[in-house]
Amino acid sequence: MAHPAVLRDLIGEYEALAAGADKANSAQARQRLDDVPYTLCVSTGTRDIDAALAAARHQSPGARPLDESVLSSS
């Protein structure tokens, strides 16, 4: 498992990229849109971005073990 700080950074980068996905004109931005979700999935042992985000948020400092709020869409 990745360090919680790494997961936090990946979540932030993914959210920023996803918010600007329609503006991702450069090859570098499009590549990051592929790389970050893949890295989140590998880091959390999941196969899709929604599960990866839930797992990464669950591992974040302050997450409660029985807190299911990470499973709801934001």
Protein backbone atom coordinates (compact mmCIF):
# COMPACT_ATOMS: atom_id res chain seq x y z
CA MET A 1 0.00 0.00 0.00
CA ALA A 2 1.11 3.49 -0.79
CA HIS A 3 1.81 6.05 1.90
CA PRO A 4 -1.30 8.07 2.83
CA ALA A 5 0.42 11.31 1.72
CA VAL A 6 1.07 9.83 -1.72
CA LEU A 7 -2.54 8.71 -2.00
CA ARG A 8 -3.74 12.16 -0.92
CA ASP A 9 -1.60 13.77 -3.62
CA LEU A 10 -2.86 11.33 -6.26
CA ILE A 11 -6.48 12.00 -5.29
CA GLY A 12 -5.89 15.73 -5.56
CA GLU A 13 -4.19 15.42 -8.91
CA TYR A 14 -6.92 13.12 -10.24
CA GLU A 15 -9.67 15.50 -9.13
CA ALA A 16 -7.89 18.46 -10.73
CA LEU A 17 -7.35 16.55 -13.96
CA ALA A 18 -10.92 15.27 -14.04
CA ALA A 19 -12.27 18.78 -13.48
CA GLY A 20 -10.30 20.05 -16.46
CA ALA A 21 -10.66 16.96 -18.65
CA ASP A 22 -12.45 18.93 -21.35
CA LYS A 23 -9.51 21.34 -21.46
CA ALA A 24 -6.81 18.65 -21.70
CA ASN A 25 -5.45 19.68 -25.08
CA SER A 26 -1.81 18.77 -24.65
CA ALA A 27 -0.43 15.29 -25.05
CA GLN A 28 1.11 15.60 -21.59
CA ALA A 29 -2.26 16.38 -19.97
CA ARG A 30 -3.94 13.48 -21.76
CA GLN A 31 -1.15 11.17 -20.66
CA ARG A 32 -1.57 12.27 -17.02
CA LEU A 33 -5.32 11.57 -17.37
CA ASP A 34 -4.33 7.99 -18.16
CA ASP A 35 -1.44 7.68 -15.70
CA VAL A 36 -2.97 9.02 -12.49
CA PRO A 37 -6.03 6.72 -12.42
CA TYR A 38 -3.80 3.77 -13.29
CA THR A 39 -1.39 4.66 -10.47
CA LEU A 40 -4.28 5.01 -8.01
CA CYS A 41 -5.60 1.59 -9.00
CA VAL A 42 -2.19 -0.06 -8.66
CA SER A 43 -1.52 1.71 -5.36
CA THR A 44 -4.80 0.57 -3.85
CA GLY A 45 -5.03 -2.88 -5.42
CA THR A 46 -8.24 -2.06 -7.27
CA ARG A 47 -9.34 -2.25 -10.90
CA ASP A 48 -11.41 0.88 -11.46
CA ILE A 49 -11.04 4.49 -10.51
CA ASP A 50 -14.15 4.66 -8.30
CA ALA A 51 -12.94 1.76 -6.16
CA ALA A 52 -9.42 3.23 -6.11
CA LEU A 53 -10.70 6.60 -4.90
CA ALA A 54 -12.81 4.95 -2.19
CA ALA A 55 -9.88 2.82 -1.03
CA ALA A 56 -7.45 5.75 -1.08
CA ARG A 57 -9.84 7.97 0.88
CA HIS A 58 -10.42 5.18 3.38
CA GLN A 59 -6.66 5.00 4.00
CA SER A 60 -6.38 8.74 4.49
CA PRO A 61 -5.54 10.07 7.94
CA GLY A 62 -8.72 10.73 9.85
CA ALA A 63 -10.79 8.15 7.99
CA ARG A 64 -12.88 6.11 10.38
CA PRO A 65 -12.78 2.31 9.89
CA LEU A 66 -16.56 2.01 9.71
CA ASP A 67 -17.14 5.26 7.86
CA GLU A 68 -18.95 4.50 4.61
CA SER A 69 -18.99 8.14 3.49
CA VAL A 70 -16.01 7.42 1.23
CA LEU A 71 -18.27 5.14 -0.78
CA SER A 72 -20.73 7.89 -1.66
CA SER A 73 -20.05 9.99 -4.71
CA SER A 74 -18.88 13.52 -4.08
